[in-house]
């Protein structure tokens, strides 16, 4: 069981490294159906694992100056407010319903990633006055954080936080495309900034989980996290050698398979 925990954790970290966000979607199904962890506890383990793994990835990106701190912190503060709300909702939702909603979320993510695989990975850094519907950048590429722009980014961050607390996901599947499309941020910088946001949101969600007195097996969480961090490096290395659109579509197909499995198991039980 110890080896299996490490392997499953490595799969989560590997997918995080490959996509820069969204890999956490595999954590809960692997914990619940692969390791027999109760769904609510799996949410807490997932939050801890995703947060720790994202922290390592964030440090890597920050050293390369691929993190936009002001924008990321705005997202993170809003997300840290939403995470406890999501955790509270998870506590009041029947386990079967929680897993069913999680499977639906996976399908939505898969469809979005498939449809946007080509367009999103090739979006340029927008730096003129016409950038984005609400958020704009000056000629030097600095984001003009107007009240409307701040409100838009905060609402998206809040939504990512609620989903994080509810399902134990980092929210990178929302944050990365939102940073690119709404703030005119380049893809690589968006991934680095997303890792900062995920780290802080996951920390908030984990704290909420523990403060609510929910059980969290330290040995399982520790091994799962160690495996995830190791998998992160392998995934990041492979991602540099693969075409972005192809990678996104393969990842989307994998999510659909797991989502269908979760749905079948939930209905069967």
Protein backbone atom coordinates (compact mmCIF):
# COMPACT_ATOMS: atom_id res chain seq x y z
CA UNK A 1 0.00 0.00 0.00
CA UNK A 2 2.91 2.37 0.73
CA UNK A 3 4.35 1.88 -2.74
CA UNK A 4 0.92 2.31 -4.33
CA UNK A 5 0.41 5.58 -2.44
CA UNK A 6 3.73 6.90 -3.77
CA UNK A 7 2.89 5.81 -7.32
CA UNK A 8 -0.56 7.42 -7.27
CA UNK A 9 0.91 10.61 -5.84
CA UNK A 10 3.52 10.59 -8.59
CA UNK A 11 0.75 10.36 -11.20
CA UNK A 12 -0.86 13.51 -9.79
CA UNK A 13 2.44 15.40 -9.73
CA UNK A 14 3.32 14.16 -13.20
CA UNK A 15 0.06 15.47 -14.64
CA UNK A 16 0.54 18.78 -12.80
CA UNK A 17 4.00 19.12 -14.31
CA UNK A 18 2.73 18.29 -17.78
CA UNK A 19 -0.14 20.76 -17.85
CA UNK A 20 0.78 23.44 -15.31
CA UNK A 21 -2.71 23.13 -13.82
CA UNK A 22 -5.53 20.63 -13.80
CA UNK A 23 -3.51 17.60 -12.73
CA UNK A 24 -5.07 17.75 -9.28
CA UNK A 25 -8.32 16.55 -10.84
CA UNK A 26 -6.92 12.99 -10.64
CA UNK A 27 -6.06 13.13 -6.93
CA UNK A 28 -9.49 12.47 -5.41
CA UNK A 29 -10.41 9.52 -7.70
CA UNK A 30 -7.02 7.89 -7.07
CA UNK A 31 -7.36 8.33 -3.31
CA UNK A 32 -10.97 7.16 -3.14
CA UNK A 33 -10.96 4.26 -5.60
CA UNK A 34 -7.26 3.36 -5.60
CA UNK A 35 -6.44 3.67 -1.89
CA UNK A 36 -9.89 3.42 -0.29
CA UNK A 37 -9.72 6.83 1.38
CA UNK A 38 -13.16 8.28 2.30
CA UNK A 39 -14.23 11.04 -0.09
CA UNK A 40 -14.16 13.88 2.46
CA UNK A 41 -10.73 12.87 3.74
CA UNK A 42 -9.53 12.55 0.14
CA UNK A 43 -10.42 16.21 -0.40
CA UNK A 44 -8.13 17.20 2.48
CA UNK A 45 -5.27 14.97 1.32
CA UNK A 46 -5.67 16.32 -2.20
CA UNK A 47 -5.53 19.94 -0.98
CA UNK A 48 -2.37 19.28 1.03
CA UNK A 49 -0.69 17.42 -1.83
CA UNK A 50 -1.61 19.95 -4.49
CA UNK A 51 -0.51 22.85 -2.31
CA UNK A 52 2.88 21.35 -1.51
CA UNK A 53 3.51 20.28 -5.10
CA UNK A 54 2.47 23.66 -6.47
CA UNK A 55 4.79 25.37 -3.98
CA UNK A 56 7.76 23.49 -5.43
CA UNK A 57 6.71 24.37 -8.98
CA UNK A 58 6.13 28.00 -7.99
CA UNK A 59 9.65 28.32 -6.54
CA UNK A 60 11.07 26.94 -9.80
CA UNK A 61 9.11 29.46 -11.87
CA UNK A 62 9.84 32.36 -9.53
CA UNK A 63 13.57 31.81 -9.92
CA UNK A 64 13.10 32.18 -13.66
CA UNK A 65 11.00 35.33 -13.11
CA UNK A 66 7.95 33.68 -14.60
CA UNK A 67 5.53 34.78 -11.85
CA UNK A 68 3.47 38.00 -11.83
CA UNK A 69 3.05 38.57 -8.10
CA UNK A 70 0.49 41.45 -7.93
CA UNK A 71 -2.00 39.67 -10.19
CA UNK A 72 -1.37 36.32 -8.53
CA UNK A 73 -1.88 37.69 -5.03
CA UNK A 74 -5.17 39.28 -6.05
CA UNK A 75 -6.39 35.91 -7.32
CA UNK A 76 -5.05 34.17 -4.22
CA UNK A 77 -6.71 36.46 -1.67
CA UNK A 78 -10.09 35.98 -3.36
CA UNK A 79 -9.49 32.24 -3.61
CA UNK A 80 -8.49 31.96 0.05
CA UNK A 81 -11.84 33.50 0.95
CA UNK A 82 -13.70 31.03 -1.28
CA UNK A 83 -11.86 27.88 -0.14
CA UNK A 84 -13.43 27.72 3.36
CA UNK A 85 -16.85 28.23 1.77
CA UNK A 86 -16.23 25.27 -0.52
CA UNK A 87 -15.01 23.17 2.41
CA UNK A 88 -18.19 23.99 4.33
CA UNK A 89 -20.34 22.99 1.36
CA UNK A 90 -18.40 19.72 1.00
CA UNK A 91 -19.08 18.90 4.65
CA UNK A 92 -22.83 19.31 4.08
CA UNK A 93 -23.00 17.37 0.81
CA UNK A 94 -23.67 13.59 0.79
CA UNK A 95 -20.63 11.63 -0.34
CA UNK A 96 -22.33 10.11 -3.39
CA UNK A 97 -23.57 13.53 -4.52
CA UNK A 98 -20.11 15.02 -3.96
CA UNK A 99 -18.48 12.37 -6.16
CA UNK A 100 -21.18 12.74 -8.82
CA UNK A 101 -20.69 16.51 -8.96
CA UNK A 102 -16.95 15.96 -9.10
CA UNK A 103 -17.36 13.70 -12.14
CA UNK A 104 -19.49 16.35 -13.87
CA UNK A 105 -16.79 18.94 -13.12
CA UNK A 106 -14.19 16.65 -14.69
CA UNK A 107 -16.24 16.37 -17.89
CA UNK A 108 -16.65 20.15 -18.09
CA UNK A 109 -12.89 20.61 -17.66
CA UNK A 110 -12.14 17.98 -20.30
CA UNK A 111 -14.44 19.60 -22.87
CA UNK A 112 -13.00 23.06 -22.21
CA UNK A 113 -9.42 21.83 -22.48
CA UNK A 114 -10.15 19.97 -25.73
CA UNK A 115 -11.87 22.92 -27.40
CA UNK A 116 -9.25 25.43 -26.31
CA UNK A 117 -6.18 23.23 -26.79
CA UNK A 118 -4.95 24.98 -29.92
CA UNK A 119 -6.12 28.54 -29.30
CA UNK A 120 -5.06 28.87 -25.67
CA UNK A 121 -1.56 27.53 -26.12
CA UNK A 122 -0.83 30.03 -28.90
CA UNK A 123 -2.31 33.18 -27.41
CA UNK A 124 0.23 36.00 -27.46
CA UNK A 125 1.09 38.40 -24.65
CA UNK A 126 -1.30 41.30 -25.23
CA UNK A 127 0.29 44.65 -24.41
CA UNK A 128 -1.74 47.41 -26.02
CA UNK A 129 -4.71 49.49 -24.97
CA UNK A 130 -7.18 47.12 -26.63
CA UNK A 131 -6.06 44.08 -24.61
CA UNK A 132 -8.89 42.11 -23.11
CA UNK A 133 -12.50 43.15 -22.49
CA UNK A 134 -11.80 44.59 -19.03
CA UNK A 135 -8.12 44.29 -18.11
CA UNK A 136 -5.48 46.10 -20.13
CA UNK A 137 -1.70 46.42 -20.15
CA UNK A 138 0.54 49.39 -20.80
CA UNK A 139 3.19 49.39 -23.57
CA UNK A 140 5.71 47.87 -21.12
CA UNK A 141 3.42 44.93 -20.44
CA UNK A 142 2.38 45.96 -16.91
CA UNK A 143 -1.23 45.22 -16.02
CA UNK A 144 -3.42 48.28 -15.44
CA UNK A 145 -5.30 47.13 -12.37
CA UNK A 146 -8.45 49.25 -12.58
CA UNK A 147 -11.40 48.66 -10.27
CA UNK A 148 -13.28 46.76 -12.99
CA UNK A 149 -10.26 44.60 -13.77
CA UNK A 150 -9.63 43.87 -10.08
CA UNK A 151 -13.29 42.91 -9.60
CA UNK A 152 -13.23 40.53 -12.57
CA UNK A 153 -10.06 38.79 -11.45
CA UNK A 154 -11.28 38.60 -7.85
CA UNK A 155 -14.56 36.95 -8.88
CA UNK A 156 -12.70 34.32 -10.91
CA UNK A 157 -10.30 33.74 -8.03
CA UNK A 158 -13.24 33.37 -5.63
CA UNK A 159 -14.79 30.74 -7.89
CA UNK A 160 -11.51 28.83 -8.07
CA UNK A 161 -11.30 28.92 -4.27
CA UNK A 162 -14.81 27.53 -3.79
CA UNK A 163 -14.08 24.66 -6.19
CA UNK A 164 -10.79 24.02 -4.40
CA UNK A 165 -12.42 23.69 -1.01
CA UNK A 166 -15.35 21.68 -2.35
CA UNK A 167 -13.47 19.13 -4.48
CA UNK A 168 -9.84 19.34 -3.37
CA UNK A 169 -8.64 20.66 -6.72
CA UNK A 170 -6.17 23.51 -7.13
CA UNK A 171 -8.21 25.47 -9.65
CA UNK A 172 -5.42 25.73 -12.23
CA UNK A 173 -7.85 24.70 -14.98
CA UNK A 174 -9.69 27.98 -14.29
CA UNK A 175 -6.79 30.21 -13.29
CA UNK A 176 -4.42 29.60 -16.23
CA UNK A 177 -6.90 30.34 -19.05
CA UNK A 178 -8.37 33.24 -17.06
CA UNK A 179 -4.94 34.85 -16.64
CA UNK A 180 -4.24 34.48 -20.35
CA UNK A 181 -7.62 35.58 -21.66
CA UNK A 182 -8.59 38.29 -19.17
CA UNK A 183 -5.27 39.75 -18.05
CA UNK A 184 -3.36 39.38 -21.32
CA UNK A 185 -0.63 37.33 -19.62
CA UNK A 186 1.70 35.05 -21.58
CA UNK A 187 1.12 31.30 -21.20
CA UNK A 188 4.35 30.44 -19.36
CA UNK A 189 3.98 33.36 -16.95
CA UNK A 190 0.33 32.39 -16.41
CA UNK A 191 1.38 28.87 -15.40
CA UNK A 192 3.93 30.22 -12.90
CA UNK A 193 1.44 32.71 -11.47
CA UNK A 194 -1.21 30.00 -11.27
CA UNK A 195 1.13 27.85 -9.15
CA UNK A 196 1.45 30.73 -6.67
CA UNK A 197 -2.33 31.05 -6.49
CA UNK A 198 -2.88 27.30 -6.14
CA UNK A 199 -0.33 27.11 -3.32
CA UNK A 200 -2.10 29.77 -1.27
CA UNK A 201 -5.64 28.60 -2.03
CA UNK A 202 -4.74 25.00 -1.18
CA UNK A 203 -3.18 26.16 2.11
CA UNK A 204 -6.42 27.95 2.97
CA UNK A 205 -8.50 24.91 2.05
CA UNK A 206 -6.27 22.55 4.04
CA UNK A 207 -6.45 24.81 7.09
CA UNK A 208 -10.24 24.94 6.83
CA UNK A 209 -10.35 21.15 6.56
CA UNK A 210 -8.26 20.70 9.72
CA UNK A 211 -9.96 23.44 11.72
CA UNK A 212 -13.31 21.79 11.02
CA UNK A 213 -11.99 18.69 12.79
CA UNK A 214 -12.02 16.50 9.69
CA UNK A 215 -9.79 13.43 9.75
CA UNK A 216 -6.54 13.48 7.79
CA UNK A 217 -4.21 10.46 7.83
CA UNK A 218 -0.73 11.98 8.02
CA UNK A 219 1.08 8.92 6.64
CA UNK A 220 -1.13 8.75 3.56
CA UNK A 221 -0.94 12.51 2.98
CA UNK A 222 2.84 12.53 3.44
CA UNK A 223 3.55 9.65 1.06
CA UNK A 224 1.09 10.95 -1.51
CA UNK A 225 2.77 14.37 -1.38
CA UNK A 226 6.31 12.95 -1.67
CA UNK A 227 5.26 10.97 -4.74
CA UNK A 228 3.55 14.02 -6.23
CA UNK A 229 6.62 16.26 -5.85
CA UNK A 230 8.78 13.60 -7.51
CA UNK A 231 6.29 13.25 -10.34
CA UNK A 232 6.24 17.02 -10.83
CA UNK A 233 9.86 17.09 -12.00
CA UNK A 234 9.30 14.24 -14.45
CA UNK A 235 6.18 15.87 -15.86
CA UNK A 236 7.85 19.27 -16.23
CA UNK A 237 10.74 17.73 -18.12
CA UNK A 238 8.48 15.84 -20.53
CA UNK A 239 6.24 18.87 -21.09
CA UNK A 240 9.14 20.75 -22.69
CA UNK A 241 9.39 18.07 -25.38
CA UNK A 242 5.72 17.75 -26.30
CA UNK A 243 3.48 19.96 -28.41
CA UNK A 244 1.02 21.92 -26.26
CA UNK A 245 -2.22 21.21 -28.22
CA UNK A 246 -1.53 17.49 -28.46
CA UNK A 247 -0.72 17.34 -24.77
CA UNK A 248 -3.94 19.12 -23.85
CA UNK A 249 -6.07 16.75 -25.94
CA UNK A 250 -4.47 13.61 -24.51
CA UNK A 251 -4.95 15.01 -21.02
CA UNK A 252 -8.61 15.80 -21.80
CA UNK A 253 -9.23 12.25 -22.99
CA UNK A 254 -7.71 10.87 -19.78
CA UNK A 255 -9.98 13.09 -17.68
CA UNK A 256 -13.06 11.82 -19.57
CA UNK A 257 -12.09 8.20 -18.87
CA UNK A 258 -11.64 8.87 -15.15
CA UNK A 259 -14.88 10.92 -14.97
CA UNK A 260 -16.89 8.10 -16.56
CA UNK A 261 -15.34 5.62 -14.14
CA UNK A 262 -16.30 7.80 -11.16
CA UNK A 263 -19.86 8.14 -12.47
CA UNK A 264 -20.28 4.39 -13.01
CA UNK A 265 -18.87 3.53 -9.57
CA UNK A 266 -21.01 6.16 -7.84
CA UNK A 267 -24.21 5.01 -9.56
CA UNK A 268 -23.37 1.33 -8.99
CA UNK A 269 -22.88 1.89 -5.26
